[in-house]
Amino acid sequence: MTFLNVPYAEKDQARELGARWNPSRKRWYVPPGVALDAFARWMPKEGEPPSDRDARAAKLVTGSRYVEIDHACNPFEPCAQCAPLLAEKGWTAAREDVLKALRALAPR
């Protein structure tokens, strides 16, 4: 994953080129397998700190079941690439526990 310094005003342009938004880091990134050439203007310069907006929002807040996924997928949908990692980290079991508790609360 390659993180970018994309100003808010240019977010739609970055998205059209294939960039994705990382909500936990509040930064745009280029997913693995996507050519970086089109994103040259947003690439951090060598030694350059993240933009001010990113510096304020860069503190990661994670829980005990946090799993960083290195590609763009939805962890609530089946993904063959993520399934082993999610199971190993306990995420899948925790999700099943939550769903079970919700089913028990649902009116019958």
PDB file of N, CA and C in Angstrom:
ATOM      1  N   MET A   1       0.846  -1.169   0.000  1.00  0.00           N
ATOM      2  CA  MET A   1       0.000   0.000   0.000  1.00  0.00           C
ATOM      3  C   MET A   1       0.892   1.231   0.000  1.00  0.00           C
ATOM      4  N   THR A   2       0.627   2.152  -0.904  1.00  0.00           N
ATOM      5  CA  THR A   2       1.388   3.395  -0.974  1.00  0.00           C
ATOM      6  C   THR A   2       0.454   4.542  -0.610  1.00  0.00           C
ATOM      7  N   PHE A   3       0.757   5.233   0.494  1.00  0.00           N
ATOM      8  CA  PHE A   3      -0.085   6.339   0.934  1.00  0.00           C
ATOM      9  C   PHE A   3       0.243   7.603   0.152  1.00  0.00           C
ATOM     10  N   LEU A   4      -0.781   8.438  -0.043  1.00  0.00           N
ATOM     11  CA  LEU A   4      -0.662   9.650  -0.843  1.00  0.00           C
ATOM     12  C   LEU A   4      -1.006  10.878  -0.011  1.00  0.00           C
ATOM     13  N   ASN A   5      -0.561  12.038  -0.461  1.00  0.00           N
ATOM     14  CA  ASN A   5      -0.954  13.318   0.124  1.00  0.00           C
ATOM     15  C   ASN A   5      -1.914  13.986  -0.856  1.00  0.00           C
ATOM     16  N   VAL A   6      -3.185  13.642  -0.719  1.00  0.00           N
ATOM     17  CA  VAL A   6      -4.207  14.147  -1.641  1.00  0.00           C
ATOM     18  C   VAL A   6      -5.011  15.237  -0.943  1.00  0.00           C
ATOM     19  N   PRO A   7      -4.977  16.473  -1.465  1.00  0.00           N
ATOM     20  CA  PRO A   7      -5.825  17.531  -0.900  1.00  0.00           C
ATOM     21  C   PRO A   7      -7.300  17.167  -1.090  1.00  0.00           C
ATOM     22  N   TYR A   8      -8.131  17.616  -0.178  1.00  0.00           N
ATOM     23  CA  TYR A   8      -9.562  17.302  -0.241  1.00  0.00           C
ATOM     24  C   TYR A   8     -10.158  17.685  -1.594  1.00  0.00           C
ATOM     25  N   ALA A   9      -9.766  18.807  -2.126  1.00  0.00           N
ATOM     26  CA  ALA A   9     -10.314  19.289  -3.396  1.00  0.00           C
ATOM     27  C   ALA A   9      -9.993  18.353  -4.565  1.00  0.00           C
ATOM     28  N   GLU A  10      -8.988  17.487  -4.413  1.00  0.00           N
ATOM     29  CA  GLU A  10      -8.572  16.604  -5.498  1.00  0.00           C
ATOM     30  C   GLU A  10      -8.928  15.143  -5.249  1.00  0.00           C
ATOM     31  N   LYS A  11      -9.716  14.884  -4.213  1.00  0.00           N
ATOM     32  CA  LYS A  11     -10.030  13.502  -3.840  1.00  0.00           C
ATOM     33  C   LYS A  11     -10.753  12.738  -4.946  1.00  0.00           C
ATOM     34  N   ASP A  12     -11.665  13.403  -5.654  1.00  0.00           N
ATOM     35  CA  ASP A  12     -12.403  12.726  -6.718  1.00  0.00           C
ATOM     36  C   ASP A  12     -11.485  12.323  -7.866  1.00  0.00           C
ATOM     37  N   GLN A  13     -10.502  13.162  -8.168  1.00  0.00           N
ATOM     38  CA  GLN A  13      -9.542  12.834  -9.221  1.00  0.00           C
ATOM     39  C   GLN A  13      -8.729  11.602  -8.824  1.00  0.00           C
ATOM     40  N   ALA A  14      -8.291  11.562  -7.572  1.00  0.00           N
ATOM     41  CA  ALA A  14      -7.508  10.416  -7.100  1.00  0.00           C
ATOM     42  C   ALA A  14      -8.353   9.146  -7.154  1.00  0.00           C
ATOM     43  N   ARG A  15      -9.612   9.249  -6.735  1.00  0.00           N
ATOM     44  CA  ARG A  15     -10.503   8.083  -6.755  1.00  0.00           C
ATOM     45  C   ARG A  15     -10.701   7.572  -8.172  1.00  0.00           C
ATOM     46  N   GLU A  16     -10.888   8.482  -9.136  1.00  0.00           N
ATOM     47  CA  GLU A  16     -11.086   8.078 -10.534  1.00  0.00           C
ATOM     48  C   GLU A  16      -9.880   7.326 -11.080  1.00  0.00           C
ATOM     49  N   LEU A  17      -8.698   7.656 -10.580  1.00  0.00           N
ATOM     50  CA  LEU A  17      -7.478   6.985 -11.038  1.00  0.00           C
ATOM     51  C   LEU A  17      -7.254   5.644 -10.342  1.00  0.00           C
ATOM     52  N   GLY A  18      -8.067   5.357  -9.312  1.00  0.00           N
ATOM     53  CA  GLY A  18      -7.950   4.064  -8.636  1.00  0.00           C
ATOM     54  C   GLY A  18      -7.502   4.127  -7.196  1.00  0.00           C
ATOM     55  N   ALA A  19      -7.286   5.323  -6.660  1.00  0.00           N
ATOM     56  CA  ALA A  19      -6.895   5.436  -5.250  1.00  0.00           C
ATOM     57  C   ALA A  19      -8.068   5.030  -4.366  1.00  0.00           C
ATOM     58  N   ARG A  20      -7.751   4.563  -3.183  1.00  0.00           N
ATOM     59  CA  ARG A  20      -8.763   4.164  -2.198  1.00  0.00           C
ATOM     60  C   ARG A  20      -8.555   4.970  -0.928  1.00  0.00           C
ATOM     61  N   TRP A  21      -9.614   5.121  -0.142  1.00  0.00           N
ATOM     62  CA  TRP A  21      -9.567   5.853   1.129  1.00  0.00           C
ATOM     63  C   TRP A  21      -9.397   4.856   2.263  1.00  0.00           C
ATOM     64  N   ASN A  22      -8.444   5.101   3.144  1.00  0.00           N
ATOM     65  CA  ASN A  22      -8.243   4.283   4.345  1.00  0.00           C
ATOM     66  C   ASN A  22      -8.856   5.055   5.505  1.00  0.00           C
ATOM     67  N   PRO A  23     -10.042   4.643   5.986  1.00  0.00           N
ATOM     68  CA  PRO A  23     -10.723   5.419   7.018  1.00  0.00           C
ATOM     69  C   PRO A  23     -10.004   5.427   8.364  1.00  0.00           C
ATOM     70  N   SER A  24      -9.279   4.373   8.694  1.00  0.00           N
ATOM     71  CA  SER A  24      -8.597   4.359   9.997  1.00  0.00           C
ATOM     72  C   SER A  24      -7.398   5.304  10.009  1.00  0.00           C
ATOM     73  N   ARG A  25      -6.723   5.437   8.887  1.00  0.00           N
ATOM     74  CA  ARG A  25      -5.576   6.357   8.816  1.00  0.00           C
ATOM     75  C   ARG A  25      -5.946   7.702   8.220  1.00  0.00           C
ATOM     76  N   LYS A  26      -7.176   7.789   7.701  1.00  0.00           N
ATOM     77  CA  LYS A  26      -7.678   9.021   7.092  1.00  0.00           C
ATOM     78  C   LYS A  26      -6.722   9.534   6.010  1.00  0.00           C
ATOM     79  N   ARG A  27      -6.355   8.598   5.138  1.00  0.00           N
ATOM     80  CA  ARG A  27      -5.442   8.921   4.038  1.00  0.00           C
ATOM     81  C   ARG A  27      -5.840   8.144   2.803  1.00  0.00           C
ATOM     82  N   TRP A  28      -5.519   8.722   1.666  1.00  0.00           N
ATOM     83  CA  TRP A  28      -5.706   8.038   0.395  1.00  0.00           C
ATOM     84  C   TRP A  28      -4.490   7.160   0.155  1.00  0.00           C
ATOM     85  N   TYR A  29      -4.702   6.026  -0.536  1.00  0.00           N
ATOM     86  CA  TYR A  29      -3.594   5.135  -0.850  1.00  0.00           C
ATOM     87  C   TYR A  29      -3.810   4.486  -2.210  1.00  0.00           C
ATOM     88  N   VAL A  30      -2.725   3.974  -2.759  1.00  0.00           N
ATOM     89  CA  VAL A  30      -2.772   3.240  -4.014  1.00  0.00           C
ATOM     90  C   VAL A  30      -2.729   1.761  -3.657  1.00  0.00           C
ATOM     91  N   PRO A  31      -3.757   0.999  -4.036  1.00  0.00           N
ATOM     92  CA  PRO A  31      -3.760  -0.428  -3.710  1.00  0.00           C
ATOM     93  C   PRO A  31      -2.638  -1.170  -4.430  1.00  0.00           C
ATOM     94  N   PRO A  32      -2.205  -2.290  -3.856  1.00  0.00           N
ATOM     95  CA  PRO A  32      -1.181  -3.086  -4.522  1.00  0.00           C
ATOM     96  C   PRO A  32      -1.656  -3.510  -5.915  1.00  0.00           C
ATOM     97  N   GLY A  33      -0.733  -3.516  -6.860  1.00  0.00           N
ATOM     98  CA  GLY A  33      -1.048  -3.924  -8.219  1.00  0.00           C
ATOM     99  C   GLY A  33      -1.474  -2.786  -9.135  1.00  0.00           C
ATOM    100  N   VAL A  34      -1.684  -1.592  -8.579  1.00  0.00           N
ATOM    101  CA  VAL A  34      -2.062  -0.432  -9.397  1.00  0.00           C
ATOM    102  C   VAL A  34      -0.802   0.384  -9.672  1.00  0.00           C
ATOM    103  N   ALA A  35      -0.580   0.742 -10.932  1.00  0.00           N
ATOM    104  CA  ALA A  35       0.614   1.505 -11.316  1.00  0.00           C
ATOM    105  C   ALA A  35       0.629   2.860 -10.610  1.00  0.00           C
ATOM    106  N   LEU A  36       1.796   3.251 -10.113  1.00  0.00           N
ATOM    107  CA  LEU A  36       1.939   4.481  -9.338  1.00  0.00           C
ATOM    108  C   LEU A  36       2.131   5.737 -10.209  1.00  0.00           C
ATOM    109  N   ASP A  37       2.426   5.570 -11.481  1.00  0.00           N
ATOM    110  CA  ASP A  37       2.746   6.711 -12.348  1.00  0.00           C
ATOM    111  C   ASP A  37       1.679   7.801 -12.325  1.00  0.00           C
ATOM    112  N   ALA A  38       0.408   7.418 -12.368  1.00  0.00           N
ATOM    113  CA  ALA A  38      -0.676   8.397 -12.429  1.00  0.00           C
ATOM    114  C   ALA A  38      -0.823   9.210 -11.141  1.00  0.00           C
ATOM    115  N   PHE A  39      -0.197   8.752 -10.057  1.00  0.00           N
ATOM    116  CA  PHE A  39      -0.345   9.393  -8.754  1.00  0.00           C
ATOM    117  C   PHE A  39       0.871  10.226  -8.355  1.00  0.00           C
ATOM    118  N   ALA A  40       1.761  10.492  -9.308  1.00  0.00           N
ATOM    119  CA  ALA A  40       3.039  11.163  -9.013  1.00  0.00           C
ATOM    120  C   ALA A  40       2.852  12.492  -8.279  1.00  0.00           C
ATOM    121  N   ARG A  41       1.846  13.258  -8.637  1.00  0.00           N
ATOM    122  CA  ARG A  41       1.696  14.583  -8.006  1.00  0.00           C
ATOM    123  C   ARG A  41       1.287  14.502  -6.540  1.00  0.00           C
ATOM    124  N   TRP A  42       0.774  13.357  -6.109  1.00  0.00           N
ATOM    125  CA  TRP A  42       0.360  13.206  -4.704  1.00  0.00           C
ATOM    126  C   TRP A  42       1.325  12.356  -3.884  1.00  0.00           C
ATOM    127  N   MET A  43       2.358  11.849  -4.536  1.00  0.00           N
ATOM    128  CA  MET A  43       3.329  11.015  -3.810  1.00  0.00           C
ATOM    129  C   MET A  43       4.101  11.891  -2.828  1.00  0.00           C
ATOM    130  N   PRO A  44       4.300  11.418  -1.598  1.00  0.00           N
ATOM    131  CA  PRO A  44       5.098  12.196  -0.639  1.00  0.00           C
ATOM    132  C   PRO A  44       6.525  12.349  -1.159  1.00  0.00           C
ATOM    133  N   LYS A  45       7.071  13.531  -1.027  1.00  0.00           N
ATOM    134  CA  LYS A  45       8.466  13.765  -1.418  1.00  0.00           C
ATOM    135  C   LYS A  45       9.365  13.102  -0.377  1.00  0.00           C
ATOM    136  N   GLU A  46      10.541  12.735  -0.781  1.00  0.00           N
ATOM    137  CA  GLU A  46      11.468  12.083   0.145  1.00  0.00           C
ATOM    138  C   GLU A  46      11.743  12.990   1.343  1.00  0.00           C
ATOM    139  N   GLY A  47      11.527  12.468   2.540  1.00  0.00           N
ATOM    140  CA  GLY A  47      11.761  13.217   3.764  1.00  0.00           C
ATOM    141  C   GLY A  47      10.630  14.153   4.150  1.00  0.00           C
ATOM    142  N   GLU A  48       9.601  14.240   3.318  1.00  0.00           N
ATOM    143  CA  GLU A  48       8.474  15.132   3.587  1.00  0.00           C
ATOM    144  C   GLU A  48       7.517  14.487   4.594  1.00  0.00           C
ATOM    145  N   PRO A  49       7.107  15.248   5.616  1.00  0.00           N
ATOM    146  CA  PRO A  49       6.127  14.690   6.548  1.00  0.00           C
ATOM    147  C   PRO A  49       4.760  14.631   5.878  1.00  0.00           C
ATOM    148  N   PRO A  50       3.830  13.862   6.434  1.00  0.00           N
ATOM    149  CA  PRO A  50       2.483  13.846   5.862  1.00  0.00           C
ATOM    150  C   PRO A  50       1.879  15.240   5.899  1.00  0.00           C
ATOM    151  N   SER A  51       0.855  15.460   5.081  1.00  0.00           N
ATOM    152  CA  SER A  51       0.202  16.778   5.080  1.00  0.00           C
ATOM    153  C   SER A  51      -0.343  17.077   6.473  1.00  0.00           C
ATOM    154  N   ASP A  52      -0.594  18.375   6.767  1.00  0.00           N
ATOM    155  CA  ASP A  52      -1.093  18.768   8.090  1.00  0.00           C
ATOM    156  C   ASP A  52      -2.361  18.026   8.464  1.00  0.00           C
ATOM    157  N   ARG A  53      -3.263  17.885   7.516  1.00  0.00           N
ATOM    158  CA  ARG A  53      -4.512  17.184   7.785  1.00  0.00           C
ATOM    159  C   ARG A  53      -4.224  15.755   8.207  1.00  0.00           C
ATOM    160  N   ASP A  54      -3.320  15.108   7.497  1.00  0.00           N
ATOM    161  CA  ASP A  54      -2.988  13.730   7.826  1.00  0.00           C
ATOM    162  C   ASP A  54      -2.249  13.636   9.157  1.00  0.00           C
ATOM    163  N   ALA A  55      -1.404  14.607   9.462  1.00  0.00           N
ATOM    164  CA  ALA A  55      -0.649  14.561  10.712  1.00  0.00           C
ATOM    165  C   ALA A  55      -1.587  14.638  11.907  1.00  0.00           C
ATOM    166  N   ARG A  56      -2.649  15.440  11.800  1.00  0.00           N
ATOM    167  CA  ARG A  56      -3.599  15.537  12.912  1.00  0.00           C
ATOM    168  C   ARG A  56      -4.423  14.269  13.052  1.00  0.00           C
ATOM    169  N   ALA A  57      -4.681  13.601  11.952  1.00  0.00           N
ATOM    170  CA  ALA A  57      -5.560  12.439  11.974  1.00  0.00           C
ATOM    171  C   ALA A  57      -4.796  11.116  11.953  1.00  0.00           C
ATOM    172  N   ALA A  58      -3.492  11.143  12.049  1.00  0.00           N
ATOM    173  CA  ALA A  58      -2.698   9.937  11.865  1.00  0.00           C
ATOM    174  C   ALA A  58      -2.708   8.987  13.054  1.00  0.00           C
ATOM    175  N   LYS A  59      -3.221   9.398  14.194  1.00  0.00           N
ATOM    176  CA  LYS A  59      -3.238   8.516  15.351  1.00  0.00           C
ATOM    177  C   LYS A  59      -4.219   7.382  15.095  1.00  0.00           C
ATOM    178  N   LEU A  60      -3.698   6.170  15.073  1.00  0.00           N
ATOM    179  CA  LEU A  60      -4.543   5.013  14.847  1.00  0.00           C
ATOM    180  C   LEU A  60      -5.241   4.626  16.142  1.00  0.00           C
ATOM    181  N   VAL A  61      -6.514   4.358  16.048  1.00  0.00           N
ATOM    182  CA  VAL A  61      -7.272   3.859  17.183  1.00  0.00           C
ATOM    183  C   VAL A  61      -7.718   2.464  16.796  1.00  0.00           C
ATOM    184  N   THR A  62      -7.219   1.486  17.523  1.00  0.00           N
ATOM    185  CA  THR A  62      -7.535   0.107  17.171  1.00  0.00           C
ATOM    186  C   THR A  62      -8.062  -0.637  18.379  1.00  0.00           C
ATOM    187  N   GLY A  63      -8.836  -1.655  18.127  1.00  0.00           N
ATOM    188  CA  GLY A  63      -9.352  -2.508  19.182  1.00  0.00           C
ATOM    189  C   GLY A  63      -8.617  -3.827  19.198  1.00  0.00           C
ATOM    190  N   SER A  64      -9.055  -4.710  20.054  1.00  0.00           N
ATOM    191  CA  SER A  64      -8.371  -5.996  20.199  1.00  0.00           C
ATOM    192  C   SER A  64      -8.531  -6.873  18.970  1.00  0.00           C
ATOM    193  N   ARG A  65      -9.522  -6.617  18.150  1.00  0.00           N
ATOM    194  CA  ARG A  65      -9.752  -7.420  16.947  1.00  0.00           C
ATOM    195  C   ARG A  65      -9.367  -6.675  15.669  1.00  0.00           C
ATOM    196  N   TYR A  66      -8.552  -5.621  15.781  1.00  0.00           N
ATOM    197  CA  TYR A  66      -8.143  -4.846  14.616  1.00  0.00           C
ATOM    198  C   TYR A  66      -7.268  -5.700  13.702  1.00  0.00           C
ATOM    199  N   VAL A  67      -7.580  -5.674  12.425  1.00  0.00           N
ATOM    200  CA  VAL A  67      -6.783  -6.382  11.420  1.00  0.00           C
ATOM    201  C   VAL A  67      -6.592  -5.427  10.251  1.00  0.00           C
ATOM    202  N   GLU A  68      -5.348  -5.142   9.903  1.00  0.00           N
ATOM    203  CA  GLU A  68      -5.090  -4.293   8.738  1.00  0.00           C
ATOM    204  C   GLU A  68      -5.078  -5.171   7.503  1.00  0.00           C
ATOM    205  N   ILE A  69      -5.917  -4.814   6.552  1.00  0.00           N
ATOM    206  CA  ILE A  69      -6.043  -5.569   5.311  1.00  0.00           C
ATOM    207  C   ILE A  69      -5.298  -4.801   4.231  1.00  0.00           C
ATOM    208  N   ASP A  70      -4.419  -5.494   3.513  1.00  0.00           N
ATOM    209  CA  ASP A  70      -3.560  -4.809   2.551  1.00  0.00           C
ATOM    210  C   ASP A  70      -4.139  -4.710   1.143  1.00  0.00           C
ATOM    211  N   HIS A  71      -5.396  -4.999   0.995  1.00  0.00           N
ATOM    212  CA  HIS A  71      -6.041  -4.790  -0.301  1.00  0.00           C
ATOM    213  C   HIS A  71      -7.468  -4.307  -0.071  1.00  0.00           C
ATOM    214  N   ALA A  72      -8.087  -3.816  -1.120  1.00  0.00           N
ATOM    215  CA  ALA A  72      -9.415  -3.218  -0.990  1.00  0.00           C
ATOM    216  C   ALA A  72     -10.494  -4.296  -1.037  1.00  0.00           C
ATOM    217  N   CYS A  73     -10.951  -4.689   0.130  1.00  0.00           N
ATOM    218  CA  CYS A  73     -12.082  -5.605   0.203  1.00  0.00           C
ATOM    219  C   CYS A  73     -12.936  -5.208   1.398  1.00  0.00           C
ATOM    220  N   ASN A  74     -14.115  -5.762   1.460  1.00  0.00           N
ATOM    221  CA  ASN A  74     -15.034  -5.496   2.553  1.00  0.00           C
ATOM    222  C   ASN A  74     -14.990  -6.685   3.504  1.00  0.00           C
ATOM    223  N   PRO A  75     -14.539  -6.498   4.753  1.00  0.00           N
ATOM    224  CA  PRO A  75     -14.424  -7.647   5.660  1.00  0.00           C
ATOM    225  C   PRO A  75     -15.771  -8.252   6.038  1.00  0.00           C
ATOM    226  N   PHE A  76     -16.873  -7.599   5.695  1.00  0.00           N
ATOM    227  CA  PHE A  76     -18.186  -8.151   5.979  1.00  0.00           C
ATOM    228  C   PHE A  76     -18.690  -9.035   4.838  1.00  0.00           C
ATOM    229  N   GLU A  77     -17.941  -9.096   3.759  1.00  0.00           N
ATOM    230  CA  GLU A  77     -18.260  -9.957   2.631  1.00  0.00           C
ATOM    231  C   GLU A  77     -17.175 -11.026   2.528  1.00  0.00           C
ATOM    232  N   PRO A  78     -17.510 -12.232   2.087  1.00  0.00           N
ATOM    233  CA  PRO A  78     -16.498 -13.284   1.968  1.00  0.00           C
ATOM    234  C   PRO A  78     -15.360 -12.882   1.029  1.00  0.00           C
ATOM    235  N   CYS A  79     -14.141 -13.138   1.455  1.00  0.00           N
ATOM    236  CA  CYS A  79     -12.953 -12.863   0.641  1.00  0.00           C
ATOM    237  C   CYS A  79     -11.956 -13.987   0.903  1.00  0.00           C
ATOM    238  N   ALA A  80     -11.658 -14.765  -0.118  1.00  0.00           N
ATOM    239  CA  ALA A  80     -10.760 -15.903   0.041  1.00  0.00           C
ATOM    240  C   ALA A  80      -9.369 -15.474   0.495  1.00  0.00           C
ATOM    241  N   GLN A  81      -8.937 -14.289   0.079  1.00  0.00           N
ATOM    242  CA  GLN A  81      -7.603 -13.812   0.447  1.00  0.00           C
ATOM    243  C   GLN A  81      -7.541 -13.418   1.925  1.00  0.00           C
ATOM    244  N   CYS A  82      -8.618 -12.843   2.458  1.00  0.00           N
ATOM    245  CA  CYS A  82      -8.630 -12.354   3.844  1.00  0.00           C
ATOM    246  C   CYS A  82      -9.065 -13.397   4.860  1.00  0.00           C
ATOM    247  N   ALA A  83      -9.836 -14.384   4.443  1.00  0.00           N
ATOM    248  CA  ALA A  83     -10.434 -15.341   5.387  1.00  0.00           C
ATOM    249  C   ALA A  83      -9.425 -15.960   6.352  1.00  0.00           C
ATOM    250  N   PRO A  84      -8.269 -16.449   5.894  1.00  0.00           N
ATOM    251  CA  PRO A  84      -7.326 -17.058   6.845  1.00  0.00           C
ATOM    252  C   PRO A  84      -6.795 -16.054   7.879  1.00  0.00           C
ATOM    253  N   LEU A  85      -6.502 -14.835   7.445  1.00  0.00           N
ATOM    254  CA  LEU A  85      -5.994 -13.814   8.361  1.00  0.00           C
ATOM    255  C   LEU A  85      -7.053 -13.422   9.383  1.00  0.00           C
ATOM    256  N   LEU A  86      -8.290 -13.232   8.929  1.00  0.00           N
ATOM    257  CA  LEU A  86      -9.373 -12.861   9.838  1.00  0.00           C
ATOM    258  C   LEU A  86      -9.638 -13.963  10.864  1.00  0.00           C
ATOM    259  N   ALA A  87      -9.577 -15.212  10.428  1.00  0.00           N
ATOM    260  CA  ALA A  87      -9.784 -16.332  11.357  1.00  0.00           C
ATOM    261  C   ALA A  87      -8.643 -16.416  12.363  1.00  0.00           C
ATOM    262  N   GLU A  88      -7.414 -16.246  11.882  1.00  0.00           N
ATOM    263  CA  GLU A  88      -6.233 -16.319  12.755  1.00  0.00           C
ATOM    264  C   GLU A  88      -6.259 -15.243  13.841  1.00  0.00           C
ATOM    265  N   LYS A  89      -6.717 -14.052  13.495  1.00  0.00           N
ATOM    266  CA  LYS A  89      -6.729 -12.936  14.445  1.00  0.00           C
ATOM    267  C   LYS A  89      -7.954 -12.951  15.362  1.00  0.00           C
ATOM    268  N   GLY A  90      -8.866 -13.901  15.167  1.00  0.00           N
ATOM    269  CA  GLY A  90     -10.047 -13.982  16.017  1.00  0.00           C
ATOM    270  C   GLY A  90     -11.200 -13.115  15.558  1.00  0.00           C
ATOM    271  N   TRP A  91     -11.016 -12.435  14.430  1.00  0.00           N
ATOM    272  CA  TRP A  91     -12.041 -11.523  13.936  1.00  0.00           C
ATOM    273  C   TRP A  91     -13.293 -12.284  13.535  1.00  0.00           C
ATOM    274  N   THR A  92     -13.135 -13.406  12.857  1.00  0.00           N
ATOM    275  CA  THR A  92     -14.279 -14.171  12.376  1.00  0.00           C
ATOM    276  C   THR A  92     -15.111 -14.692  13.546  1.00  0.00           C
ATOM    277  N   ALA A  93     -14.448 -15.226  14.564  1.00  0.00           N
ATOM    278  CA  ALA A  93     -15.167 -15.738  15.742  1.00  0.00           C
ATOM    279  C   ALA A  93     -15.883 -14.597  16.470  1.00  0.00           C
ATOM    280  N   ALA A  94     -15.243 -13.445  16.588  1.00  0.00           N
ATOM    281  CA  ALA A  94     -15.863 -12.293  17.256  1.00  0.00           C
ATOM    282  C   ALA A  94     -17.086 -11.832  16.469  1.00  0.00           C
ATOM    283  N   ARG A  95     -16.987 -11.823  15.152  1.00  0.00           N
ATOM    284  CA  ARG A  95     -18.125 -11.425  14.313  1.00  0.00           C
ATOM    285  C   ARG A  95     -19.285 -12.381  14.511  1.00  0.00           C
ATOM    286  N   GLU A  96     -19.005 -13.681  14.542  1.00  0.00           N
ATOM    287  CA  GLU A  96     -20.056 -14.676  14.756  1.00  0.00           C
ATOM    288  C   GLU A  96     -20.710 -14.507  16.122  1.00  0.00           C
ATOM    289  N   ASP A  97     -19.924 -14.190  17.143  1.00  0.00           N
ATOM    290  CA  ASP A  97     -20.483 -13.954  18.485  1.00  0.00           C
ATOM    291  C   ASP A  97     -21.439 -12.766  18.479  1.00  0.00           C
ATOM    292  N   VAL A  98     -21.057 -11.699  17.788  1.00  0.00           N
ATOM    293  CA  VAL A  98     -21.921 -10.513  17.710  1.00  0.00           C
ATOM    294  C   VAL A  98     -23.211 -10.851  16.970  1.00  0.00           C
ATOM    295  N   LEU A  99     -23.110 -11.555  15.846  1.00  0.00           N
ATOM    296  CA  LEU A  99     -24.302 -11.928  15.092  1.00  0.00           C
ATOM    297  C   LEU A  99     -25.225 -12.825  15.912  1.00  0.00           C
ATOM    298  N   LYS A 100     -24.652 -13.745  16.657  1.00  0.00           N
ATOM    299  CA  LYS A 100     -25.439 -14.637  17.520  1.00  0.00           C
ATOM    300  C   LYS A 100     -26.183 -13.823  18.577  1.00  0.00           C
ATOM    301  N   ALA A 101     -25.500 -12.863  19.199  1.00  0.00           N
ATOM    302  CA  ALA A 101     -26.125 -12.017  20.219  1.00  0.00           C
ATOM    303  C   ALA A 101     -27.248 -11.178  19.610  1.00  0.00           C
ATOM    304  N   LEU A 102     -27.047 -10.666  18.412  1.00  0.00           N
ATOM    305  CA  LEU A 102     -28.081  -9.870  17.747  1.00  0.00           C
ATOM    306  C   LEU A 102     -29.301 -10.724  17.404  1.00  0.00           C
ATOM    307  N   ARG A 103     -29.063 -11.955  16.957  1.00  0.00           N
ATOM    308  CA  ARG A 103     -30.187 -12.846  16.651  1.00  0.00           C
ATOM    309  C   ARG A 103     -31.000 -13.149  17.912  1.00  0.00           C
ATOM    310  N   ALA A 104     -30.317 -13.276  19.046  1.00  0.00           N
ATOM    311  CA  ALA A 104     -31.009 -13.558  20.311  1.00  0.00           C
ATOM    312  C   ALA A 104     -31.873 -12.373  20.744  1.00  0.00           C
ATOM    313  N   LEU A 105     -31.469 -11.163  20.386  1.00  0.00           N
ATOM    314  CA  LEU A 105     -32.219  -9.958  20.759  1.00  0.00           C
ATOM    315  C   LEU A 105     -33.384  -9.662  19.814  1.00  0.00           C
ATOM    316  N   ALA A 106     -33.342 -10.214  18.622  1.00  0.00           N
ATOM    317  CA  ALA A 106     -34.363  -9.914  17.601  1.00  0.00           C
ATOM    318  C   ALA A 106     -35.724 -10.418  18.051  1.00  0.00           C
ATOM    319  N   PRO A 107     -36.768  -9.611  17.833  1.00  0.00           N
ATOM    320  CA  PRO A 107     -38.123 -10.063  18.178  1.00  0.00           C
ATOM    321  C   PRO A 107     -38.532 -11.231  17.297  1.00  0.00           C
ATOM    322  N   ARG A 108     -39.288 -12.121  17.869  1.00  0.00           N
ATOM    323  CA  ARG A 108     -39.694 -13.318  17.100  1.00  0.00           C
ATOM    324  C   ARG A 108     -41.124 -13.236  16.686  1.00  0.00           C
TER     325      ARG A 108
END
